[in-house]
Amino acid sequence: MSDTVGCTIEKKLLPTLLLNESKHSRVFIPKQSDGVTEYAVFGKGDTPDLEAGQSRLSPKSFFFPQTETLYAFDYDTIEPSASEEAAEAPVVLFAVRPCDSASFELLDQVFGPENHGYHDPYYEKKRDNTIVVTLACNKPGSTCFCTSVGGDPAGTRGADVLAFDLEDRLYLEGLTTKGKEFLARNGEVLKEAAETDREVANTLASSARESMPAVEYDRATVKKNLDDQFDNPIWEKITNTCIGCGACTYLCPTCHCFDICDEERHYKGRRIRTWDSCQYAQFTKHASGHNPRPTKTERLRQRFMHKFSYTVESVDEVYCVGCGRCVRYCPVNLDIREVLREFSST
């Protein structure tokens, strides 16, 4: 918990705060429909569903869209795309869960300057112009395991503001300059928090941590075992039920593979970036026809090696935030936690 004095807002005043923000920003809030939670544009009369739980799709698409036009062209002229112009608009992502906001920092290392000084202007503009208000989890889901991979149900990583649900009100703390400015300009509906509010928030955070299911996972041990057992037949057993649908990668907050293609007709066209998946047979197929990962076994192994070995070696990070989406939505019940247990024994 930050040493900064926090503030509170009555839940009934949240629409007022969000309406105020919507005058100069696009505001997105969690909404539930038919039992599915997604982020949707806030409109007058809307109220964020703070009890809806984790969204089905991670909010990574706000910075790394599933389909994005990088630029348009007309013969020998390059024209800015609508997505590039939209990236300039300020955005507020409200009530993002800590696992998802943590994933933003991991994506920063891929698309931001931390990646050896490389800059992706499309991604960076969106990140720079977005305020992330993270809502701590009071009741983590049954498939959540963020604490096992270095996360926290009340984690601050990637967040500009951290909020706690205290039943009739939210307790908020500004974590970054953007976050503190967000709170300052909404001072009319905010109150300075009492010490008891912070204590309640701490208690809720501790309770949430204790409720998290334990996963036997040690980063160094798993990395070593993955490296040493690259050709272990266990991979075939793990892959037996996999159907290669790629749902795990599309739902994952940290998966970031993409393809780029051009659409052109009569000298006019556009260059498009779209999500791709290492689980697809065509993903590594060469122009020669050779495919270094011809079977599901090699492709599924790549997913785990990337998250728990290669990124540990390259950027000292595990590219899994323990959100549990790949567990919850896998059509054949493949469980990433069981794979981690398999490679956790010394």
Protein backbone atom coordinates (compact mmCIF):
# COMPACT_ATOMS: atom_id res chain seq x y z
CA MET A 1 0.00 0.00 0.00
CA SER A 2 1.31 3.42 -0.91
CA ASP A 3 2.27 5.93 1.76
CA THR A 4 0.20 8.53 -0.07
CA VAL A 5 -3.03 9.47 1.66
CA GLY A 6 -5.85 7.90 -0.33
CA CYS A 7 -9.37 9.08 -0.99
CA THR A 8 -12.82 7.54 -1.19
CA ILE A 9 -15.86 7.90 -3.38
CA GLU A 10 -19.38 6.72 -2.71
CA LYS A 11 -20.45 4.21 -5.33
CA LYS A 12 -23.54 6.23 -6.14
CA LEU A 13 -21.23 9.04 -7.27
CA LEU A 14 -19.19 6.89 -9.67
CA PRO A 15 -21.42 7.77 -12.67
CA THR A 16 -20.79 11.46 -11.92
CA LEU A 17 -17.02 10.93 -11.88
CA LEU A 18 -17.08 8.87 -15.08
CA LEU A 19 -19.40 11.32 -16.83
CA ASN A 20 -16.98 14.11 -15.94
CA GLU A 21 -14.10 12.10 -17.43
CA SER A 22 -16.10 11.25 -20.55
CA LYS A 23 -16.23 14.94 -21.47
CA HIS A 24 -12.57 14.80 -22.51
CA SER A 25 -11.74 11.05 -22.66
CA ARG A 26 -13.18 7.82 -23.95
CA VAL A 27 -14.12 5.93 -20.78
CA PHE A 28 -14.44 2.14 -20.74
CA ILE A 29 -16.07 0.23 -17.90
CA PRO A 30 -16.82 -3.45 -17.19
CA LYS A 31 -20.31 -4.52 -18.18
CA GLN A 32 -21.90 -7.94 -17.94
CA SER A 33 -24.22 -9.42 -20.54
CA ASP A 34 -25.45 -13.02 -20.60
CA GLY A 35 -22.94 -13.89 -17.90
CA VAL A 36 -19.97 -12.52 -19.87
CA THR A 37 -18.01 -9.47 -18.72
CA GLU A 38 -16.51 -7.15 -21.32
CA TYR A 39 -15.25 -3.55 -21.36
CA ALA A 40 -17.67 -1.16 -23.05
CA VAL A 41 -17.85 2.58 -23.62
CA PHE A 42 -19.38 4.44 -20.71
CA GLY A 43 -22.53 6.36 -21.51
CA LYS A 44 -24.81 8.60 -19.51
CA GLY A 45 -26.84 6.46 -17.13
CA ASP A 46 -24.29 3.61 -17.10
CA THR A 47 -22.81 2.15 -13.93
CA PRO A 48 -19.68 -0.03 -13.92
CA ASP A 49 -20.33 -3.60 -12.84
CA LEU A 50 -17.72 -3.92 -10.10
CA GLU A 51 -18.89 -7.39 -9.09
CA ALA A 52 -18.80 -8.87 -12.58
CA GLY A 53 -15.32 -10.28 -12.06
CA GLN A 54 -12.68 -10.70 -14.70
CA SER A 55 -13.51 -9.86 -18.30
CA ARG A 56 -13.52 -12.72 -20.79
CA LEU A 57 -11.12 -10.92 -23.13
CA SER A 58 -8.13 -9.19 -21.65
CA PRO A 59 -7.96 -5.41 -22.14
CA LYS A 60 -4.63 -5.72 -24.00
CA SER A 61 -6.61 -4.97 -27.16
CA PHE A 62 -6.84 -1.32 -26.12
CA PHE A 63 -3.10 -1.03 -26.81
CA PHE A 64 -2.57 -3.96 -29.17
CA PRO A 65 -5.78 -4.37 -31.19
CA GLN A 66 -6.69 -7.70 -32.74
CA THR A 67 -6.76 -5.99 -36.14
CA GLU A 68 -5.06 -2.66 -36.75
CA THR A 69 -4.40 -0.67 -39.92
CA LEU A 70 -0.86 0.66 -39.63
CA TYR A 71 -1.16 2.95 -42.63
CA ALA A 72 -2.92 3.35 -45.95
CA PHE A 73 -1.22 4.02 -49.27
CA ASP A 74 -2.21 5.46 -52.64
CA TYR A 75 0.39 4.59 -55.25
CA ASP A 76 3.48 6.31 -53.80
CA THR A 77 1.77 8.29 -51.02
CA ILE A 78 1.52 7.11 -47.40
CA GLU A 79 -1.57 8.23 -45.52
CA PRO A 80 -2.12 8.06 -41.75
CA SER A 81 -4.66 5.47 -40.67
CA ALA A 82 -7.79 6.08 -38.61
CA SER A 83 -6.32 3.88 -35.84
CA GLU A 84 -3.23 6.10 -35.69
CA GLU A 85 -5.40 9.19 -35.31
CA ALA A 86 -7.60 7.47 -32.71
CA ALA A 87 -4.49 6.67 -30.66
CA GLU A 88 -4.15 10.37 -29.90
CA ALA A 89 -7.47 10.42 -28.01
CA PRO A 90 -7.25 10.15 -24.20
CA VAL A 91 -8.74 6.99 -22.68
CA VAL A 92 -9.69 5.90 -19.16
CA LEU A 93 -9.81 2.17 -18.48
CA PHE A 94 -11.83 1.81 -15.30
CA ALA A 95 -11.83 -1.22 -12.97
CA VAL A 96 -9.09 -3.21 -14.69
CA ARG A 97 -8.03 -6.23 -12.66
CA PRO A 98 -4.45 -6.31 -11.26
CA CYS A 99 -3.37 -9.28 -13.39
CA ASP A 100 -4.37 -7.40 -16.53
CA SER A 101 -2.74 -4.12 -15.55
CA ALA A 102 0.44 -6.07 -14.73
CA SER A 103 0.37 -7.47 -18.25
CA PHE A 104 0.59 -3.95 -19.67
CA GLU A 105 4.10 -3.58 -18.25
CA LEU A 106 5.11 -6.85 -19.87
CA LEU A 107 3.75 -5.69 -23.22
CA ASP A 108 5.70 -2.45 -22.73
CA GLN A 109 8.88 -4.52 -22.94
CA VAL A 110 7.81 -5.83 -26.34
CA PHE A 111 6.32 -2.74 -27.98
CA GLY A 112 7.96 0.02 -25.96
CA PRO A 113 11.48 1.49 -25.74
CA GLU A 114 12.48 -1.06 -23.11
CA ASN A 115 12.83 -3.50 -26.02
CA HIS A 116 16.40 -2.44 -26.86
CA GLY A 117 15.20 1.06 -27.66
CA TYR A 118 12.68 -0.12 -30.22
CA HIS A 119 9.57 2.06 -30.50
CA ASP A 120 6.14 1.00 -31.72
CA PRO A 121 4.43 4.39 -32.13
CA TYR A 122 0.95 2.87 -32.47
CA TYR A 123 1.24 1.07 -29.13
CA GLU A 124 3.12 3.83 -27.33
CA LYS A 125 0.62 6.54 -28.19
CA LYS A 126 -2.24 4.48 -26.80
CA ARG A 127 -0.32 3.67 -23.61
CA ASP A 128 0.76 7.28 -23.09
CA ASN A 129 -2.79 8.56 -23.54
CA THR A 130 -4.49 6.01 -21.28
CA ILE A 131 -5.18 6.16 -17.54
CA VAL A 132 -5.51 2.72 -15.96
CA VAL A 133 -7.70 2.54 -12.86
CA THR A 134 -7.12 -0.90 -11.35
CA LEU A 135 -9.67 -2.53 -9.06
CA ALA A 136 -8.23 -4.94 -6.48
CA CYS A 137 -9.80 -8.39 -6.35
CA ASN A 138 -11.64 -9.12 -3.11
CA LYS A 139 -12.67 -12.59 -4.28
CA PRO A 140 -10.25 -14.11 -6.80
CA GLY A 141 -11.71 -16.70 -9.15
CA SER A 142 -11.16 -20.44 -8.81
CA THR A 143 -8.78 -20.48 -11.80
CA CYS A 144 -6.76 -17.44 -10.71
CA PHE A 145 -3.15 -18.00 -9.59
CA CYS A 146 -1.47 -14.58 -9.82
CA THR A 147 0.33 -14.96 -6.48
CA SER A 148 2.12 -18.05 -7.82
CA VAL A 149 3.77 -16.08 -10.63
CA GLY A 150 4.72 -12.95 -8.68
CA GLY A 151 1.41 -11.10 -8.88
CA ASP A 152 -1.01 -9.92 -6.26
CA PRO A 153 -4.82 -9.54 -6.13
CA ALA A 154 -4.13 -5.98 -4.97
CA GLY A 155 -1.10 -5.43 -7.19
CA THR A 156 -0.11 -1.97 -8.40
CA ARG A 157 1.97 -2.95 -11.41
CA GLY A 158 0.84 -1.17 -14.57
CA ALA A 159 -1.78 0.85 -12.70
CA ASP A 160 -2.15 4.63 -12.45
CA VAL A 161 -4.78 4.40 -9.72
CA LEU A 162 -5.49 1.48 -7.40
CA ALA A 163 -9.04 1.08 -6.08
CA PHE A 164 -10.53 -1.17 -3.42
CA ASP A 165 -14.20 -2.06 -3.17
CA LEU A 166 -15.33 -1.28 0.38
CA GLU A 167 -18.99 -2.21 -0.22
CA ASP A 168 -20.67 1.22 -0.30
CA ARG A 169 -17.60 3.13 -1.47
CA LEU A 170 -14.26 2.78 -3.25
CA TYR A 171 -10.94 3.55 -1.65
CA LEU A 172 -8.49 4.94 -4.22
CA GLU A 173 -4.80 5.78 -4.30
CA GLY A 174 -2.96 7.64 -7.04
CA LEU A 175 0.19 5.76 -8.04
CA THR A 176 1.54 7.77 -10.97
CA THR A 177 1.45 11.37 -12.09
CA LYS A 178 -1.41 10.57 -14.46
CA GLY A 179 -3.27 8.81 -11.66
CA LYS A 180 -2.85 11.64 -9.20
CA GLU A 181 -4.01 14.16 -11.79
CA PHE A 182 -7.07 11.98 -12.43
CA LEU A 183 -7.97 12.10 -8.73
CA ALA A 184 -7.18 15.81 -8.39
CA ARG A 185 -9.53 16.88 -11.17
CA ASN A 186 -12.35 14.82 -9.66
CA GLY A 187 -11.94 16.24 -6.18
CA GLU A 188 -15.55 17.41 -6.02
CA VAL A 189 -16.83 13.84 -5.67
CA LEU A 190 -13.89 12.46 -3.68
CA LYS A 191 -13.23 12.60 0.04
CA GLU A 192 -9.99 12.20 1.91
CA ALA A 193 -9.84 8.66 3.25
CA ALA A 194 -9.89 7.85 6.93
CA GLU A 195 -7.18 5.63 8.39
CA THR A 196 -9.82 2.96 8.90
CA ASP A 197 -10.45 2.89 5.13
CA ARG A 198 -6.84 2.00 4.49
CA GLU A 199 -6.97 -0.66 7.21
CA VAL A 200 -10.07 -2.23 5.63
CA ALA A 201 -8.34 -2.20 2.23
CA ASN A 202 -5.28 -3.92 3.72
CA THR A 203 -7.49 -6.54 5.36
CA LEU A 204 -9.30 -7.25 2.11
CA ALA A 205 -5.99 -7.57 0.28
CA SER A 206 -4.63 -10.04 2.85
CA SER A 207 -7.81 -12.09 2.75
CA ALA A 208 -7.70 -12.26 -1.05
CA ARG A 209 -4.08 -13.43 -1.01
CA GLU A 210 -4.85 -16.16 1.49
CA SER A 211 -7.75 -17.40 -0.63
CA MET A 212 -5.58 -17.89 -3.70
CA PRO A 213 -4.91 -21.55 -4.61
CA ALA A 214 -1.27 -22.47 -4.26
CA VAL A 215 0.62 -23.64 -7.35
CA GLU A 216 3.94 -25.37 -6.85
CA TYR A 217 6.07 -23.04 -8.92
CA ASP A 218 9.63 -21.84 -8.60
CA ARG A 219 10.80 -19.75 -11.54
CA ALA A 220 14.41 -20.94 -11.59
CA THR A 221 13.46 -24.60 -11.16
CA VAL A 222 10.81 -24.52 -13.88
CA LYS A 223 13.14 -22.76 -16.32
CA LYS A 224 15.93 -25.27 -15.71
CA ASN A 225 13.61 -28.25 -16.07
CA LEU A 226 12.03 -26.87 -19.23
CA ASP A 227 15.47 -26.32 -20.76
CA ASP A 228 16.80 -29.72 -19.66
CA GLN A 229 13.70 -31.65 -20.71
CA PHE A 230 13.13 -30.05 -24.09
CA ASP A 231 12.77 -33.50 -25.74
CA ASN A 232 10.99 -35.20 -22.86
CA PRO A 233 8.12 -37.45 -24.10
CA ILE A 234 5.95 -35.79 -21.42
CA TRP A 235 5.20 -33.08 -24.01
CA GLU A 236 3.33 -35.59 -26.14
CA LYS A 237 1.24 -36.60 -23.14
CA ILE A 238 0.47 -32.96 -22.31
CA THR A 239 -0.54 -32.31 -25.92
CA ASN A 240 -2.77 -35.37 -26.31
CA THR A 241 -6.03 -33.50 -25.93
CA CYS A 242 -4.96 -30.14 -27.46
CA ILE A 243 -6.89 -29.28 -30.63
CA GLY A 244 -4.66 -26.35 -31.60
CA CYS A 245 -7.50 -23.82 -31.55
CA GLY A 246 -5.29 -21.00 -30.25
CA ALA A 247 -7.90 -19.79 -27.74
CA CYS A 248 -5.28 -19.77 -24.98
CA THR A 249 -3.09 -17.33 -26.89
CA TYR A 250 -5.92 -15.03 -27.96
CA LEU A 251 -7.27 -14.82 -24.41
CA CYS A 252 -3.85 -14.40 -22.81
CA PRO A 253 -3.04 -10.82 -21.67
CA THR A 254 0.67 -11.21 -22.50
CA CYS A 255 0.66 -13.13 -25.79
CA HIS A 256 1.72 -10.71 -28.49
CA CYS A 257 2.49 -12.62 -31.71
CA PHE A 258 1.23 -10.88 -34.83
CA ASP A 259 1.23 -11.05 -38.60
CA ILE A 260 1.41 -8.20 -41.09
CA CYS A 261 -0.23 -8.27 -44.50
CA ASP A 262 -1.01 -5.83 -47.28
CA GLU A 263 -4.36 -5.38 -49.01
CA GLU A 264 -4.05 -3.67 -52.38
CA ARG A 265 -6.18 -2.90 -55.39
CA HIS A 266 -5.51 -0.46 -58.21
CA TYR A 267 -2.45 0.96 -56.43
CA LYS A 268 -4.45 1.73 -53.30
CA GLY A 269 -4.39 -0.31 -50.15
CA ARG A 270 -3.43 -0.63 -46.52
CA ARG A 271 -0.99 -2.46 -44.29
CA ILE A 272 -2.67 -4.41 -41.50
CA ARG A 273 -1.36 -5.94 -38.30
CA THR A 274 -3.38 -8.82 -36.86
CA TRP A 275 -2.97 -11.17 -33.93
CA ASP A 276 -1.39 -14.52 -34.70
CA SER A 277 -0.75 -17.61 -32.60
CA CYS A 278 2.19 -19.93 -32.11
CA GLN A 279 -0.37 -22.73 -31.88
CA TYR A 280 -1.25 -22.51 -35.55
CA ALA A 281 0.43 -24.86 -38.03
CA GLN A 282 1.20 -22.02 -40.47
CA PHE A 283 2.80 -19.79 -37.84
CA THR A 284 6.40 -20.94 -38.43
CA LYS A 285 6.06 -22.37 -41.92
CA HIS A 286 8.84 -21.08 -44.18
CA ALA A 287 8.44 -19.95 -47.77
CA SER A 288 10.41 -23.08 -48.70
CA GLY A 289 7.68 -25.24 -47.21
CA HIS A 290 9.79 -26.32 -44.23
CA ASN A 291 8.13 -26.03 -40.82
CA PRO A 292 10.38 -26.27 -37.73
CA ARG A 293 7.30 -26.91 -35.56
CA PRO A 294 5.25 -29.33 -37.65
CA THR A 295 3.23 -30.90 -34.83
CA LYS A 296 1.03 -29.73 -31.97
CA THR A 297 3.64 -31.06 -29.54
CA GLU A 298 6.32 -28.64 -30.69
CA ARG A 299 3.86 -25.78 -30.84
CA LEU A 300 2.44 -26.30 -27.36
CA ARG A 301 5.96 -26.71 -25.98
CA GLN A 302 6.88 -23.38 -27.58
CA ARG A 303 4.08 -21.63 -25.68
CA PHE A 304 5.43 -22.79 -22.33
CA MET A 305 9.09 -22.31 -23.24
CA HIS A 306 8.37 -18.76 -24.33
CA LYS A 307 6.52 -17.79 -21.16
CA PHE A 308 8.64 -19.57 -18.56
CA SER A 309 12.10 -19.89 -20.11
CA TYR A 310 12.86 -17.61 -23.05
CA THR A 311 11.47 -14.40 -21.54
CA VAL A 312 13.08 -15.19 -18.18
CA GLU A 313 16.40 -15.38 -20.01
CA SER A 314 15.88 -12.35 -22.25
CA VAL A 315 14.09 -9.82 -20.03
CA ASP A 316 14.06 -11.51 -16.60
CA GLU A 317 10.27 -11.79 -16.64
CA VAL A 318 7.71 -14.59 -16.63
CA TYR A 319 5.15 -13.84 -19.32
CA CYS A 320 2.22 -15.22 -17.38
CA VAL A 321 0.20 -13.11 -14.93
CA GLY A 322 -1.89 -15.96 -13.52
CA CYS A 323 -5.23 -14.64 -14.82
CA GLY A 324 -6.46 -18.20 -15.45
CA ARG A 325 -8.29 -17.41 -18.69
CA CYS A 326 -6.52 -20.20 -20.57
CA VAL A 327 -7.69 -22.61 -17.87
CA ARG A 328 -11.25 -21.34 -17.75
CA TYR A 329 -11.90 -21.28 -21.49
CA CYS A 330 -9.83 -24.16 -22.86
CA PRO A 331 -12.34 -26.43 -24.65
CA VAL A 332 -10.39 -29.57 -23.69
CA ASN A 333 -9.47 -28.55 -20.11
CA LEU A 334 -5.73 -28.20 -20.58
CA ASP A 335 -4.48 -26.63 -17.35
CA ILE A 336 -1.36 -24.46 -17.32
CA ARG A 337 -1.08 -25.00 -13.57
CA GLU A 338 -0.71 -28.75 -14.04
CA VAL A 339 2.10 -28.19 -16.55
CA LEU A 340 3.89 -25.93 -14.06
CA ARG A 341 3.55 -28.61 -11.38
CA GLU A 342 4.94 -31.19 -13.81
CA PHE A 343 8.12 -29.15 -14.30
CA SER A 344 8.42 -27.89 -10.71
CA SER A 345 9.88 -31.03 -9.18
CA THR A 346 13.64 -30.90 -8.71
